[in-house]
Each structure stands twice: as C-alpha cells, then as structure tokens.
Amino acid sequence: MNHARDYEIHITYSAAPGDQCYVARVAEWPGITAHGDSVEEAAREIHAALELALLSAQDAGIEPPHPAALANA
C-alpha cells in the first residue's frame, strides 16, 4: 500500500488577487491540492487530503498513482 509520505509534494506561494496563500499539490496526483496561510499549514492540509484520497481509492478498489519516489525501489 502506498503512503502519503511517499508522494512528491510541491508548495508554492500564490500572490494572485484573492489568493495570497501557499498552494500545495501532489506531483503524481494532480487533482489533489490544498492551501494554507503558511507553508506548514499547506503541508498539513495536503498530507490530510492525500491520506483521505488514498483511503478512498482503497475503499473503492482503485489503484492510486504510483509514488515517483518508489519508482526505483
């Protein structure tokens, strides 16, 4: 089973009008995003979203994207 810690997370700052927050994305699973007022908050939120997505995929019998970090493992 894949774990949230195995996925590559990108966190950037969005200065777009109305945003002004940190946006986190899962590299291997582009549909999962989260945001926060700080890098730490965005990281916590994306980790929670990713864990929920992994559990939902498991419950539905869907194979989630393979973590890039484990490609050579």
PDB file of N, CA and C in Angstrom:
ATOM      1  N   MET A   1       0.839  -1.188   0.000  1.00  0.00           N
ATOM      2  CA  MET A   1       0.000   0.000   0.000  1.00  0.00           C
ATOM      3  C   MET A   1       0.881   1.247   0.000  1.00  0.00           C
ATOM      4  N   ASN A   2       0.487   2.226  -0.775  1.00  0.00           N
ATOM      5  CA  ASN A   2       1.216   3.488  -0.818  1.00  0.00           C
ATOM      6  C   ASN A   2       0.891   4.312   0.425  1.00  0.00           C
ATOM      7  N   HIS A   3       1.841   5.131   0.840  1.00  0.00           N
ATOM      8  CA  HIS A   3       1.667   6.014   1.991  1.00  0.00           C
ATOM      9  C   HIS A   3       1.811   7.459   1.535  1.00  0.00           C
ATOM     10  N   ALA A   4       1.136   8.359   2.208  1.00  0.00           N
ATOM     11  CA  ALA A   4       1.183   9.782   1.852  1.00  0.00           C
ATOM     12  C   ALA A   4       2.615  10.302   1.846  1.00  0.00           C
ATOM     13  N   ARG A   5       3.438   9.806   2.759  1.00  0.00           N
ATOM     14  CA  ARG A   5       4.822  10.292   2.856  1.00  0.00           C
ATOM     15  C   ARG A   5       5.670   9.932   1.629  1.00  0.00           C
ATOM     16  N   ASP A   6       5.201   9.004   0.800  1.00  0.00           N
ATOM     17  CA  ASP A   6       5.964   8.561  -0.366  1.00  0.00           C
ATOM     18  C   ASP A   6       5.770   9.446  -1.594  1.00  0.00           C
ATOM     19  N   TYR A   7       4.804  10.338  -1.560  1.00  0.00           N
ATOM     20  CA  TYR A   7       4.490  11.166  -2.720  1.00  0.00           C
ATOM     21  C   TYR A   7       5.259  12.485  -2.698  1.00  0.00           C
ATOM     22  N   GLU A   8       5.515  12.993  -3.895  1.00  0.00           N
ATOM     23  CA  GLU A   8       6.222  14.267  -4.038  1.00  0.00           C
ATOM     24  C   GLU A   8       5.219  15.411  -3.948  1.00  0.00           C
ATOM     25  N   ILE A   9       5.477  16.327  -3.024  1.00  0.00           N
ATOM     26  CA  ILE A   9       4.592  17.466  -2.794  1.00  0.00           C
ATOM     27  C   ILE A   9       5.301  18.747  -3.230  1.00  0.00           C
ATOM     28  N   HIS A  10       4.592  19.595  -3.944  1.00  0.00           N
ATOM     29  CA  HIS A  10       5.108  20.906  -4.349  1.00  0.00           C
ATOM     30  C   HIS A  10       4.280  21.966  -3.650  1.00  0.00           C
ATOM     31  N   ILE A  11       4.954  22.901  -2.995  1.00  0.00           N
ATOM     32  CA  ILE A  11       4.260  24.004  -2.329  1.00  0.00           C
ATOM     33  C   ILE A  11       4.799  25.309  -2.901  1.00  0.00           C
ATOM     34  N   THR A  12       3.881  26.128  -3.398  1.00  0.00           N
ATOM     35  CA  THR A  12       4.252  27.428  -3.969  1.00  0.00           C
ATOM     36  C   THR A  12       3.372  28.511  -3.346  1.00  0.00           C
ATOM     37  N   TYR A  13       3.815  29.738  -3.472  1.00  0.00           N
ATOM     38  CA  TYR A  13       3.029  30.860  -2.977  1.00  0.00           C
ATOM     39  C   TYR A  13       2.245  31.457  -4.135  1.00  0.00           C
ATOM     40  N   SER A  14       0.964  31.667  -3.948  1.00  0.00           N
ATOM     41  CA  SER A  14       0.126  32.300  -4.959  1.00  0.00           C
ATOM     42  C   SER A  14      -0.188  33.721  -4.509  1.00  0.00           C
ATOM     43  N   ALA A  15       0.358  34.675  -5.253  1.00  0.00           N
ATOM     44  CA  ALA A  15       0.114  36.089  -4.941  1.00  0.00           C
ATOM     45  C   ALA A  15      -1.027  36.654  -5.772  1.00  0.00           C
ATOM     46  N   ALA A  16      -1.740  35.784  -6.486  1.00  0.00           N
ATOM     47  CA  ALA A  16      -2.852  36.239  -7.320  1.00  0.00           C
ATOM     48  C   ALA A  16      -3.885  36.953  -6.454  1.00  0.00           C
ATOM     49  N   PRO A  17      -4.498  37.999  -6.976  1.00  0.00           N
ATOM     50  CA  PRO A  17      -5.511  38.717  -6.213  1.00  0.00           C
ATOM     51  C   PRO A  17      -6.585  37.750  -5.687  1.00  0.00           C
ATOM     52  N   GLY A  18      -6.843  37.837  -4.408  1.00  0.00           N
ATOM     53  CA  GLY A  18      -7.813  36.957  -3.779  1.00  0.00           C
ATOM     54  C   GLY A  18      -7.212  35.688  -3.211  1.00  0.00           C
ATOM     55  N   ASP A  19      -6.009  35.344  -3.618  1.00  0.00           N
ATOM     56  CA  ASP A  19      -5.344  34.138  -3.117  1.00  0.00           C
ATOM     57  C   ASP A  19      -4.476  34.474  -1.906  1.00  0.00           C
ATOM     58  N   GLN A  20      -3.311  34.997  -2.160  1.00  0.00           N
ATOM     59  CA  GLN A  20      -2.318  35.304  -1.131  1.00  0.00           C
ATOM     60  C   GLN A  20      -2.205  34.156  -0.118  1.00  0.00           C
ATOM     61  N   CYS A  21      -1.881  32.965  -0.634  1.00  0.00           N
ATOM     62  CA  CYS A  21      -1.731  31.800   0.226  1.00  0.00           C
ATOM     63  C   CYS A  21      -0.724  30.842  -0.402  1.00  0.00           C
ATOM     64  N   TYR A  22      -0.347  29.848   0.362  1.00  0.00           N
ATOM     65  CA  TYR A  22       0.528  28.785  -0.123  1.00  0.00           C
ATOM     66  C   TYR A  22      -0.343  27.663  -0.674  1.00  0.00           C
ATOM     67  N   VAL A  23      -0.014  27.195  -1.863  1.00  0.00           N
ATOM     68  CA  VAL A  23      -0.781  26.146  -2.530  1.00  0.00           C
ATOM     69  C   VAL A  23       0.096  24.903  -2.619  1.00  0.00           C
ATOM     70  N   ALA A  24      -0.462  23.782  -2.168  1.00  0.00           N
ATOM     71  CA  ALA A  24       0.268  22.511  -2.198  1.00  0.00           C
ATOM     72  C   ALA A  24      -0.395  21.585  -3.205  1.00  0.00           C
ATOM     73  N   ARG A  25       0.448  20.878  -3.960  1.00  0.00           N
ATOM     74  CA  ARG A  25      -0.034  19.938  -4.974  1.00  0.00           C
ATOM     75  C   ARG A  25       0.759  18.640  -4.878  1.00  0.00           C
ATOM     76  N   VAL A  26       0.093  17.537  -5.207  1.00  0.00           N
ATOM     77  CA  VAL A  26       0.751  16.239  -5.256  1.00  0.00           C
ATOM     78  C   VAL A  26       1.204  16.032  -6.700  1.00  0.00           C
ATOM     79  N   ALA A  27       2.519  15.870  -6.909  1.00  0.00           N
ATOM     80  CA  ALA A  27       3.069  15.776  -8.265  1.00  0.00           C
ATOM     81  C   ALA A  27       2.456  14.620  -9.055  1.00  0.00           C
ATOM     82  N   GLU A  28       2.321  13.466  -8.440  1.00  0.00           N
ATOM     83  CA  GLU A  28       1.832  12.283  -9.144  1.00  0.00           C
ATOM     84  C   GLU A  28       0.304  12.225  -9.244  1.00  0.00           C
ATOM     85  N   TRP A  29      -0.375  13.088  -8.519  1.00  0.00           N
ATOM     86  CA  TRP A  29      -1.836  13.044  -8.459  1.00  0.00           C
ATOM     87  C   TRP A  29      -2.347  14.483  -8.549  1.00  0.00           C
ATOM     88  N   PRO A  30      -2.342  15.068  -9.761  1.00  0.00           N
ATOM     89  CA  PRO A  30      -2.624  16.491  -9.941  1.00  0.00           C
ATOM     90  C   PRO A  30      -3.968  16.966  -9.409  1.00  0.00           C
ATOM     91  N   GLY A  31      -4.933  16.091  -9.233  1.00  0.00           N
ATOM     92  CA  GLY A  31      -6.239  16.504  -8.745  1.00  0.00           C
ATOM     93  C   GLY A  31      -6.279  16.802  -7.263  1.00  0.00           C
ATOM     94  N   ILE A  32      -5.204  16.512  -6.554  1.00  0.00           N
ATOM     95  CA  ILE A  32      -5.189  16.744  -5.114  1.00  0.00           C
ATOM     96  C   ILE A  32      -4.408  18.017  -4.833  1.00  0.00           C
ATOM     97  N   THR A  33      -5.108  19.011  -4.305  1.00  0.00           N
ATOM     98  CA  THR A  33      -4.479  20.276  -3.934  1.00  0.00           C
ATOM     99  C   THR A  33      -5.008  20.711  -2.572  1.00  0.00           C
ATOM    100  N   ALA A  34      -4.259  21.568  -1.935  1.00  0.00           N
ATOM    101  CA  ALA A  34      -4.655  22.145  -0.656  1.00  0.00           C
ATOM    102  C   ALA A  34      -3.975  23.497  -0.539  1.00  0.00           C
ATOM    103  N   HIS A  35      -4.381  24.269   0.432  1.00  0.00           N
ATOM    104  CA  HIS A  35      -3.745  25.578   0.624  1.00  0.00           C
ATOM    105  C   HIS A  35      -3.706  25.917   2.104  1.00  0.00           C
ATOM    106  N   GLY A  36      -2.891  26.920   2.418  1.00  0.00           N
ATOM    107  CA  GLY A  36      -2.787  27.387   3.792  1.00  0.00           C
ATOM    108  C   GLY A  36      -2.130  28.747   3.845  1.00  0.00           C
ATOM    109  N   ASP A  37      -2.236  29.390   4.991  1.00  0.00           N
ATOM    110  CA  ASP A  37      -1.628  30.705   5.166  1.00  0.00           C
ATOM    111  C   ASP A  37      -0.120  30.626   5.376  1.00  0.00           C
ATOM    112  N   SER A  38       0.386  29.431   5.675  1.00  0.00           N
ATOM    113  CA  SER A  38       1.830  29.231   5.832  1.00  0.00           C
ATOM    114  C   SER A  38       2.215  27.943   5.112  1.00  0.00           C
ATOM    115  N   VAL A  39       3.506  27.764   4.900  1.00  0.00           N
ATOM    116  CA  VAL A  39       3.998  26.529   4.284  1.00  0.00           C
ATOM    117  C   VAL A  39       3.601  25.332   5.141  1.00  0.00           C
ATOM    118  N   GLU A  40       3.736  25.485   6.452  1.00  0.00           N
ATOM    119  CA  GLU A  40       3.424  24.389   7.367  1.00  0.00           C
ATOM    120  C   GLU A  40       1.945  24.002   7.295  1.00  0.00           C
ATOM    121  N   GLU A  41       1.076  25.007   7.239  1.00  0.00           N
ATOM    122  CA  GLU A  41      -0.355  24.724   7.157  1.00  0.00           C
ATOM    123  C   GLU A  41      -0.703  24.040   5.840  1.00  0.00           C
ATOM    124  N   ALA A  42      -0.131  24.528   4.743  1.00  0.00           N
ATOM    125  CA  ALA A  42      -0.369  23.910   3.438  1.00  0.00           C
ATOM    126  C   ALA A  42       0.123  22.463   3.434  1.00  0.00           C
ATOM    127  N   ALA A  43       1.267  22.211   4.069  1.00  0.00           N
ATOM    128  CA  ALA A  43       1.808  20.852   4.146  1.00  0.00           C
ATOM    129  C   ALA A  43       0.883  19.942   4.948  1.00  0.00           C
ATOM    130  N   ARG A  44       0.382  20.428   6.069  1.00  0.00           N
ATOM    131  CA  ARG A  44      -0.556  19.625   6.871  1.00  0.00           C
ATOM    132  C   ARG A  44      -1.831  19.320   6.079  1.00  0.00           C
ATOM    133  N   GLU A  45      -2.340  20.321   5.397  1.00  0.00           N
ATOM    134  CA  GLU A  45      -3.588  20.155   4.645  1.00  0.00           C
ATOM    135  C   GLU A  45      -3.426  19.188   3.474  1.00  0.00           C
ATOM    136  N   ILE A  46      -2.308  19.273   2.747  1.00  0.00           N
ATOM    137  CA  ILE A  46      -2.116  18.372   1.607  1.00  0.00           C
ATOM    138  C   ILE A  46      -1.890  16.952   2.091  1.00  0.00           C
ATOM    139  N   HIS A  47      -1.209  16.798   3.215  1.00  0.00           N
ATOM    140  CA  HIS A  47      -0.996  15.464   3.771  1.00  0.00           C
ATOM    141  C   HIS A  47      -2.344  14.833   4.144  1.00  0.00           C
ATOM    142  N   ALA A  48      -3.218  15.610   4.778  1.00  0.00           N
ATOM    143  CA  ALA A  48      -4.542  15.103   5.148  1.00  0.00           C
ATOM    144  C   ALA A  48      -5.364  14.756   3.908  1.00  0.00           C
ATOM    145  N   ALA A  49      -5.324  15.613   2.897  1.00  0.00           N
ATOM    146  CA  ALA A  49      -6.071  15.363   1.661  1.00  0.00           C
ATOM    147  C   ALA A  49      -5.552  14.118   0.953  1.00  0.00           C
ATOM    148  N   LEU A  50      -4.246  13.948   0.931  1.00  0.00           N
ATOM    149  CA  LEU A  50      -3.648  12.788   0.276  1.00  0.00           C
ATOM    150  C   LEU A  50      -3.992  11.509   1.017  1.00  0.00           C
ATOM    151  N   GLU A  51      -3.940  11.536   2.340  1.00  0.00           N
ATOM    152  CA  GLU A  51      -4.311  10.345   3.110  1.00  0.00           C
ATOM    153  C   GLU A  51      -5.769   9.972   2.855  1.00  0.00           C
ATOM    154  N   LEU A  52      -6.648  10.956   2.794  1.00  0.00           N
ATOM    155  CA  LEU A  52      -8.054  10.695   2.519  1.00  0.00           C
ATOM    156  C   LEU A  52      -8.235  10.118   1.109  1.00  0.00           C
ATOM    157  N   ALA A  53      -7.517  10.655   0.134  1.00  0.00           N
ATOM    158  CA  ALA A  53      -7.604  10.147  -1.236  1.00  0.00           C
ATOM    159  C   ALA A  53      -7.118   8.703  -1.315  1.00  0.00           C
ATOM    160  N   LEU A  54      -6.050   8.391  -0.592  1.00  0.00           N
ATOM    161  CA  LEU A  54      -5.538   7.021  -0.591  1.00  0.00           C
ATOM    162  C   LEU A  54      -6.540   6.059   0.045  1.00  0.00           C
ATOM    163  N   LEU A  55      -7.153   6.470   1.150  1.00  0.00           N
ATOM    164  CA  LEU A  55      -8.164   5.629   1.791  1.00  0.00           C
ATOM    165  C   LEU A  55      -9.383   5.451   0.888  1.00  0.00           C
ATOM    166  N   SER A  56      -9.800   6.523   0.237  1.00  0.00           N
ATOM    167  CA  SER A  56     -10.950   6.455  -0.664  1.00  0.00           C
ATOM    168  C   SER A  56     -10.656   5.531  -1.839  1.00  0.00           C
ATOM    169  N   ALA A  57      -9.463   5.623  -2.394  1.00  0.00           N
ATOM    170  CA  ALA A  57      -9.078   4.750  -3.501  1.00  0.00           C
ATOM    171  C   ALA A  57      -9.075   3.290  -3.047  1.00  0.00           C
ATOM    172  N   GLN A  58      -8.539   3.044  -1.867  1.00  0.00           N
ATOM    173  CA  GLN A  58      -8.502   1.684  -1.339  1.00  0.00           C
ATOM    174  C   GLN A  58      -9.923   1.147  -1.142  1.00  0.00           C
ATOM    175  N   ASP A  59     -10.799   1.954  -0.547  1.00  0.00           N
ATOM    176  CA  ASP A  59     -12.179   1.534  -0.318  1.00  0.00           C
ATOM    177  C   ASP A  59     -12.913   1.244  -1.624  1.00  0.00           C
ATOM    178  N   ALA A  60     -12.574   2.001  -2.672  1.00  0.00           N
ATOM    179  CA  ALA A  60     -13.232   1.841  -3.970  1.00  0.00           C
ATOM    180  C   ALA A  60     -12.557   0.784  -4.839  1.00  0.00           C
ATOM    181  N   GLY A  61     -11.459   0.235  -4.365  1.00  0.00           N
ATOM    182  CA  GLY A  61     -10.735  -0.767  -5.146  1.00  0.00           C
ATOM    183  C   GLY A  61      -9.998  -0.182  -6.329  1.00  0.00           C
ATOM    184  N   ILE A  62      -9.646   1.094  -6.227  1.00  0.00           N
ATOM    185  CA  ILE A  62      -8.942   1.799  -7.306  1.00  0.00           C
ATOM    186  C   ILE A  62      -7.457   1.857  -6.974  1.00  0.00           C
ATOM    187  N   GLU A  63      -6.624   1.597  -7.954  1.00  0.00           N
ATOM    188  CA  GLU A  63      -5.174   1.685  -7.772  1.00  0.00           C
ATOM    189  C   GLU A  63      -4.756   3.155  -7.883  1.00  0.00           C
ATOM    190  N   PRO A  64      -4.222   3.746  -6.820  1.00  0.00           N
ATOM    191  CA  PRO A  64      -3.782   5.144  -6.897  1.00  0.00           C
ATOM    192  C   PRO A  64      -2.501   5.256  -7.729  1.00  0.00           C
ATOM    193  N   PRO A  65      -2.169   6.462  -8.156  1.00  0.00           N
ATOM    194  CA  PRO A  65      -0.916   6.647  -8.879  1.00  0.00           C
ATOM    195  C   PRO A  65       0.262   6.151  -8.033  1.00  0.00           C
ATOM    196  N   HIS A  66       1.244   5.584  -8.699  1.00  0.00           N
ATOM    197  CA  HIS A  66       2.425   5.084  -8.004  1.00  0.00           C
ATOM    198  C   HIS A  66       3.343   6.264  -7.630  1.00  0.00           C
ATOM    199  N   PRO A  67       3.813   6.310  -6.390  1.00  0.00           N
ATOM    200  CA  PRO A  67       4.707   7.403  -5.991  1.00  0.00           C
ATOM    201  C   PRO A  67       6.008   7.371  -6.802  1.00  0.00           C
ATOM    202  N   ALA A  68       6.399   8.509  -7.343  1.00  0.00           N
ATOM    203  CA  ALA A  68       7.634   8.600  -8.127  1.00  0.00           C
ATOM    204  C   ALA A  68       8.845   8.223  -7.289  1.00  0.00           C
ATOM    205  N   ALA A  69       8.790   8.521  -5.981  1.00  0.00           N
ATOM    206  CA  ALA A  69       9.919   8.221  -5.101  1.00  0.00           C
ATOM    207  C   ALA A  69      10.185   6.724  -5.001  1.00  0.00           C
ATOM    208  N   LEU A  70       9.178   5.911  -5.301  1.00  0.00           N
ATOM    209  CA  LEU A  70       9.348   4.457  -5.207  1.00  0.00           C
ATOM    210  C   LEU A  70       9.579   3.801  -6.549  1.00  0.00           C
ATOM    211  N   ALA A  71       9.706   4.609  -7.605  1.00  0.00           N
ATOM    212  CA  ALA A  71       9.857   4.059  -8.948  1.00  0.00           C
ATOM    213  C   ALA A  71      11.081   3.178  -9.079  1.00  0.00           C
ATOM    214  N   ASN A  72      12.153   3.513  -8.376  1.00  0.00           N
ATOM    215  CA  ASN A  72      13.393   2.733  -8.477  1.00  0.00           C
ATOM    216  C   ASN A  72      13.572   1.788  -7.296  1.00  0.00           C
ATOM    217  N   ALA A  73      12.570   1.726  -6.437  1.00  0.00           N
ATOM    218  CA  ALA A  73      12.693   0.883  -5.236  1.00  0.00           C
ATOM    219  C   ALA A  73      12.293  -0.547  -5.524  1.00  0.00           C
TER     220      ALA A  73
END
